[in-house]
Amino acid sequence: MFIFLPLLIQSFIVLVFIINFKYVYLLYKLGQHDYILTELDPFDIKFSQHSIFYKFSNGNSLDRLINDLVDGGLNINDVPTIQLFIKDNMFFTSDNRRLYCFREAIKQGATFKKVPVKITKITKNNETKLILSKYIISEHTNWNDVKISNTFCNVLERDNIKFKLCK
């Protein structure tokens, strides 16, 4: 048994390297550019909010996009690319509704497995804007799930006081 232990450890190290290689490569590329265009599995992307509104800003429902993606009425490349940023070694998006639709479409049988993404570098110049305004990071801890809401809320912060405005 002890003879196989080093082989098992080596196999584990190789597996961890393979899993993290794409992430390390993307970080390397992001170090050279302000953003990267690539494709990722939507289940590897985290939500940046704990709830989303059930409609898009144009009035279309989330279900409509999901159904269009599943039945082939809409190509994945016809949907705007989702924006990502890396925080705490994880991919987060501000495009939570589209991410939700991509995940649900795959669960319901859509043929695509990866989605186009634009990974943006967080710098000292845009960090506050990215994280405190459009990318709302709260005390919520399960970034793999999101709830659908029929109430639209917007969180604003001014002078270290948060305001929640709901329609």
C-alpha atoms as a PDB file:
ATOM      1  CA  MET A   1       0.000   0.000   0.000  1.00  0.00           C
ATOM      2  CA  PHE A   2       2.789   2.444   0.870  1.00  0.00           C
ATOM      3  CA  ILE A   3       4.380   1.806  -2.531  1.00  0.00           C
ATOM      4  CA  PHE A   4       1.341   3.292  -4.291  1.00  0.00           C
ATOM      5  CA  LEU A   5       1.097   6.345  -2.036  1.00  0.00           C
ATOM      6  CA  PRO A   6       3.691   8.454  -3.949  1.00  0.00           C
ATOM      7  CA  LEU A   7       1.971   7.560  -7.233  1.00  0.00           C
ATOM      8  CA  LEU A   8      -1.381   8.590  -5.776  1.00  0.00           C
ATOM      9  CA  ILE A   9       0.069  11.906  -4.571  1.00  0.00           C
ATOM     10  CA  GLN A  10       1.647  12.560  -7.991  1.00  0.00           C
ATOM     11  CA  SER A  11      -1.665  11.798  -9.718  1.00  0.00           C
ATOM     12  CA  PHE A  12      -3.467  14.203  -7.405  1.00  0.00           C
ATOM     13  CA  ILE A  13      -0.922  16.975  -8.083  1.00  0.00           C
ATOM     14  CA  VAL A  14      -1.248  16.476 -11.853  1.00  0.00           C
ATOM     15  CA  LEU A  15      -5.056  16.568 -11.599  1.00  0.00           C
ATOM     16  CA  VAL A  16      -4.985  19.798  -9.551  1.00  0.00           C
ATOM     17  CA  PHE A  17      -2.547  21.320 -12.072  1.00  0.00           C
ATOM     18  CA  ILE A  18      -4.794  20.430 -15.021  1.00  0.00           C
ATOM     19  CA  ILE A  19      -7.881  21.846 -13.309  1.00  0.00           C
ATOM     20  CA  ASN A  20      -6.128  25.111 -12.381  1.00  0.00           C
ATOM     21  CA  PHE A  21      -4.101  25.501 -15.583  1.00  0.00           C
ATOM     22  CA  LYS A  22      -6.822  27.375 -17.478  1.00  0.00           C
ATOM     23  CA  TYR A  23      -7.378  29.701 -14.532  1.00  0.00           C
ATOM     24  CA  VAL A  24      -3.625  30.373 -14.182  1.00  0.00           C
ATOM     25  CA  TYR A  25      -3.336  30.893 -17.946  1.00  0.00           C
ATOM     26  CA  LEU A  26      -6.228  33.392 -17.920  1.00  0.00           C
ATOM     27  CA  LEU A  27      -4.606  35.290 -15.044  1.00  0.00           C
ATOM     28  CA  TYR A  28      -1.349  35.374 -17.007  1.00  0.00           C
ATOM     29  CA  LYS A  29      -3.121  36.730 -20.114  1.00  0.00           C
ATOM     30  CA  LEU A  30      -5.060  39.247 -18.024  1.00  0.00           C
ATOM     31  CA  GLY A  31      -1.738  40.529 -16.701  1.00  0.00           C
ATOM     32  CA  GLN A  32      -0.854  41.481 -20.279  1.00  0.00           C
ATOM     33  CA  HIS A  33      -4.212  42.991 -21.323  1.00  0.00           C
ATOM     34  CA  ASP A  34      -7.081  45.007 -19.839  1.00  0.00           C
ATOM     35  CA  TYR A  35      -9.537  42.246 -20.718  1.00  0.00           C
ATOM     36  CA  ILE A  36      -9.742  38.782 -22.299  1.00  0.00           C
ATOM     37  CA  LEU A  37     -12.409  37.397 -24.628  1.00  0.00           C
ATOM     38  CA  THR A  38     -12.846  33.644 -24.188  1.00  0.00           C
ATOM     39  CA  GLU A  39     -15.457  30.960 -23.478  1.00  0.00           C
ATOM     40  CA  LEU A  40     -16.221  29.390 -20.099  1.00  0.00           C
ATOM     41  CA  ASP A  41     -18.628  26.870 -18.657  1.00  0.00           C
ATOM     42  CA  PRO A  42     -21.379  29.008 -17.049  1.00  0.00           C
ATOM     43  CA  PHE A  43     -21.340  26.712 -14.009  1.00  0.00           C
ATOM     44  CA  ASP A  44     -17.762  27.910 -13.323  1.00  0.00           C
ATOM     45  CA  ILE A  45     -19.014  31.497 -13.006  1.00  0.00           C
ATOM     46  CA  LYS A  46     -20.442  32.920  -9.781  1.00  0.00           C
ATOM     47  CA  PHE A  47     -23.355  35.307  -9.400  1.00  0.00           C
ATOM     48  CA  SER A  48     -22.568  38.719  -7.891  1.00  0.00           C
ATOM     49  CA  GLN A  49     -26.060  39.176  -6.422  1.00  0.00           C
ATOM     50  CA  HIS A  50     -28.311  36.923  -4.391  1.00  0.00           C
ATOM     51  CA  SER A  51     -31.467  37.758  -6.393  1.00  0.00           C
ATOM     52  CA  ILE A  52     -32.384  38.874  -9.908  1.00  0.00           C
ATOM     53  CA  PHE A  53     -35.426  40.516 -11.471  1.00  0.00           C
ATOM     54  CA  TYR A  54     -37.578  38.148 -13.575  1.00  0.00           C
ATOM     55  CA  LYS A  55     -37.400  40.386 -16.657  1.00  0.00           C
ATOM     56  CA  PHE A  56     -34.670  42.063 -18.658  1.00  0.00           C
ATOM     57  CA  SER A  57     -34.580  45.856 -19.055  1.00  0.00           C
ATOM     58  CA  ASN A  58     -36.241  45.477 -22.495  1.00  0.00           C
ATOM     59  CA  GLY A  59     -39.264  43.781 -20.859  1.00  0.00           C
ATOM     60  CA  ASN A  60     -38.531  40.235 -22.100  1.00  0.00           C
ATOM     61  CA  SER A  61     -38.819  37.486 -19.514  1.00  0.00           C
ATOM     62  CA  LEU A  62     -35.952  35.231 -18.490  1.00  0.00           C
ATOM     63  CA  ASP A  63     -38.050  32.233 -19.570  1.00  0.00           C
ATOM     64  CA  ARG A  64     -38.256  33.598 -23.109  1.00  0.00           C
ATOM     65  CA  LEU A  65     -34.470  33.707 -23.464  1.00  0.00           C
ATOM     66  CA  ILE A  66     -34.124  30.248 -21.909  1.00  0.00           C
ATOM     67  CA  ASN A  67     -36.711  28.769 -24.297  1.00  0.00           C
ATOM     68  CA  ASP A  68     -35.117  30.489 -27.324  1.00  0.00           C
ATOM     69  CA  LEU A  69     -31.712  29.073 -26.392  1.00  0.00           C
ATOM     70  CA  VAL A  70     -33.083  25.566 -25.807  1.00  0.00           C
ATOM     71  CA  ASP A  71     -35.188  25.318 -28.981  1.00  0.00           C
ATOM     72  CA  GLY A  72     -32.482  26.883 -31.170  1.00  0.00           C
ATOM     73  CA  GLY A  73     -34.463  30.020 -31.986  1.00  0.00           C
ATOM     74  CA  LEU A  74     -31.503  32.016 -30.715  1.00  0.00           C
ATOM     75  CA  ASN A  75     -27.804  31.267 -31.082  1.00  0.00           C
ATOM     76  CA  ILE A  76     -25.547  31.686 -28.052  1.00  0.00           C
ATOM     77  CA  ASN A  77     -23.500  34.229 -30.040  1.00  0.00           C
ATOM     78  CA  ASP A  78     -26.625  36.378 -30.535  1.00  0.00           C
ATOM     79  CA  VAL A  79     -26.771  37.030 -26.782  1.00  0.00           C
ATOM     80  CA  PRO A  80     -24.498  39.835 -25.530  1.00  0.00           C
ATOM     81  CA  THR A  81     -21.232  38.592 -24.024  1.00  0.00           C
ATOM     82  CA  ILE A  82     -21.300  38.471 -20.242  1.00  0.00           C
ATOM     83  CA  GLN A  83     -18.760  40.533 -18.336  1.00  0.00           C
ATOM     84  CA  LEU A  84     -16.633  38.821 -15.690  1.00  0.00           C
ATOM     85  CA  PHE A  85     -14.145  39.855 -13.086  1.00  0.00           C
ATOM     86  CA  ILE A  86     -11.970  37.777 -10.777  1.00  0.00           C
ATOM     87  CA  LYS A  87     -12.380  38.210  -7.030  1.00  0.00           C
ATOM     88  CA  ASP A  88     -10.953  35.834  -4.421  1.00  0.00           C
ATOM     89  CA  ASN A  89      -9.766  33.487  -7.208  1.00  0.00           C
ATOM     90  CA  MET A  90     -13.308  33.063  -8.571  1.00  0.00           C
ATOM     91  CA  PHE A  91     -15.069  34.336 -11.684  1.00  0.00           C
ATOM     92  CA  PHE A  92     -18.000  36.672 -10.932  1.00  0.00           C
ATOM     93  CA  THR A  93     -20.389  38.380 -13.346  1.00  0.00           C
ATOM     94  CA  SER A  94     -22.534  41.481 -13.193  1.00  0.00           C
ATOM     95  CA  ASP A  95     -24.755  39.931 -15.881  1.00  0.00           C
ATOM     96  CA  ASN A  96     -26.571  37.718 -13.414  1.00  0.00           C
ATOM     97  CA  ARG A  97     -29.785  37.314 -15.442  1.00  0.00           C
ATOM     98  CA  ARG A  98     -27.946  36.143 -18.560  1.00  0.00           C
ATOM     99  CA  LEU A  99     -25.812  33.762 -16.490  1.00  0.00           C
ATOM    100  CA  TYR A 100     -28.977  32.333 -14.942  1.00  0.00           C
ATOM    101  CA  CYS A 101     -30.537  31.880 -18.393  1.00  0.00           C
ATOM    102  CA  PHE A 102     -27.425  30.148 -19.765  1.00  0.00           C
ATOM    103  CA  ARG A 103     -27.347  27.712 -16.837  1.00  0.00           C
ATOM    104  CA  GLU A 104     -31.066  26.951 -17.063  1.00  0.00           C
ATOM    105  CA  ALA A 105     -30.897  26.479 -20.845  1.00  0.00           C
ATOM    106  CA  ILE A 106     -28.102  23.910 -20.434  1.00  0.00           C
ATOM    107  CA  LYS A 107     -30.104  22.117 -17.717  1.00  0.00           C
ATOM    108  CA  GLN A 108     -33.079  22.002 -20.116  1.00  0.00           C
ATOM    109  CA  GLY A 109     -31.081  20.540 -23.010  1.00  0.00           C
ATOM    110  CA  ALA A 110     -29.428  23.397 -24.901  1.00  0.00           C
ATOM    111  CA  THR A 111     -26.597  22.179 -27.117  1.00  0.00           C
ATOM    112  CA  PHE A 112     -23.932  24.672 -25.983  1.00  0.00           C
ATOM    113  CA  LYS A 113     -21.747  23.966 -22.955  1.00  0.00           C
ATOM    114  CA  LYS A 114     -19.652  27.149 -22.869  1.00  0.00           C
ATOM    115  CA  VAL A 115     -20.592  30.812 -23.228  1.00  0.00           C
ATOM    116  CA  PRO A 116     -18.651  33.805 -24.568  1.00  0.00           C
ATOM    117  CA  VAL A 117     -17.234  35.965 -21.758  1.00  0.00           C
ATOM    118  CA  LYS A 118     -15.190  39.117 -21.375  1.00  0.00           C
ATOM    119  CA  ILE A 119     -12.952  38.965 -18.315  1.00  0.00           C
ATOM    120  CA  THR A 120     -12.068  42.470 -17.135  1.00  0.00           C
ATOM    121  CA  LYS A 121      -9.028  43.296 -15.080  1.00  0.00           C
ATOM    122  CA  ILE A 122      -9.789  44.988 -11.782  1.00  0.00           C
ATOM    123  CA  THR A 123      -7.363  47.842 -11.252  1.00  0.00           C
ATOM    124  CA  LYS A 124      -7.080  50.481  -8.555  1.00  0.00           C
ATOM    125  CA  ASN A 125      -8.801  52.907 -10.971  1.00  0.00           C
ATOM    126  CA  ASN A 126     -11.937  50.826 -11.516  1.00  0.00           C
ATOM    127  CA  GLU A 127     -12.108  48.623  -8.383  1.00  0.00           C
ATOM    128  CA  THR A 128     -14.523  50.838  -6.450  1.00  0.00           C
ATOM    129  CA  LYS A 129     -16.764  51.323  -9.483  1.00  0.00           C
ATOM    130  CA  LEU A 130     -16.812  47.610 -10.315  1.00  0.00           C
ATOM    131  CA  ILE A 131     -17.401  46.194  -6.877  1.00  0.00           C
ATOM    132  CA  LEU A 132     -19.490  48.876  -5.155  1.00  0.00           C
ATOM    133  CA  SER A 133     -21.765  49.930  -7.990  1.00  0.00           C
ATOM    134  CA  LYS A 134     -22.568  47.512 -10.799  1.00  0.00           C
ATOM    135  CA  TYR A 135     -21.086  44.432  -9.143  1.00  0.00           C
ATOM    136  CA  ILE A 136     -22.913  44.315  -5.841  1.00  0.00           C
ATOM    137  CA  ILE A 137     -21.046  42.067  -3.433  1.00  0.00           C
ATOM    138  CA  SER A 138     -22.841  41.580  -0.126  1.00  0.00           C
ATOM    139  CA  GLU A 139     -22.606  39.278   2.864  1.00  0.00           C
ATOM    140  CA  HIS A 140     -24.365  36.559   0.838  1.00  0.00           C
ATOM    141  CA  THR A 141     -22.096  33.495   0.682  1.00  0.00           C
ATOM    142  CA  ASN A 142     -23.615  31.050  -1.833  1.00  0.00           C
ATOM    143  CA  TRP A 143     -22.626  32.639  -5.138  1.00  0.00           C
ATOM    144  CA  ASN A 144     -23.648  29.525  -7.122  1.00  0.00           C
ATOM    145  CA  ASP A 145     -27.367  30.167  -6.696  1.00  0.00           C
ATOM    146  CA  VAL A 146     -29.646  33.114  -7.292  1.00  0.00           C
ATOM    147  CA  LYS A 147     -33.312  33.775  -6.506  1.00  0.00           C
ATOM    148  CA  ILE A 148     -35.786  35.207  -9.003  1.00  0.00           C
ATOM    149  CA  SER A 149     -37.706  38.242  -7.768  1.00  0.00           C
ATOM    150  CA  ASN A 150     -40.644  40.182  -9.182  1.00  0.00           C
ATOM    151  CA  THR A 151     -39.442  43.285  -7.334  1.00  0.00           C
ATOM    152  CA  PHE A 152     -36.663  45.327  -8.923  1.00  0.00           C
ATOM    153  CA  CYS A 153     -34.204  46.821  -6.422  1.00  0.00           C
ATOM    154  CA  ASN A 154     -31.180  49.007  -6.927  1.00  0.00           C
ATOM    155  CA  VAL A 155     -28.576  49.501  -4.207  1.00  0.00           C
ATOM    156  CA  LEU A 156     -26.792  52.829  -4.023  1.00  0.00           C
ATOM    157  CA  GLU A 157     -24.001  53.790  -1.684  1.00  0.00           C
ATOM    158  CA  ARG A 158     -23.164  57.344  -0.674  1.00  0.00           C
ATOM    159  CA  ASP A 159     -20.943  58.404   2.232  1.00  0.00           C
ATOM    160  CA  ASN A 160     -20.671  54.767   3.428  1.00  0.00           C
ATOM    161  CA  ILE A 161     -24.473  54.479   3.729  1.00  0.00           C
ATOM    162  CA  LYS A 162     -26.291  51.945   1.535  1.00  0.00           C
ATOM    163  CA  PHE A 163     -29.711  52.767   0.090  1.00  0.00           C
ATOM    164  CA  LYS A 164     -31.991  50.095  -1.355  1.00  0.00           C
ATOM    165  CA  LEU A 165     -34.472  51.466  -3.894  1.00  0.00           C
ATOM    166  CA  CYS A 166     -37.193  49.064  -5.060  1.00  0.00           C
ATOM    167  CA  LYS A 167     -39.908  49.375  -7.708  1.00  0.00           C
END
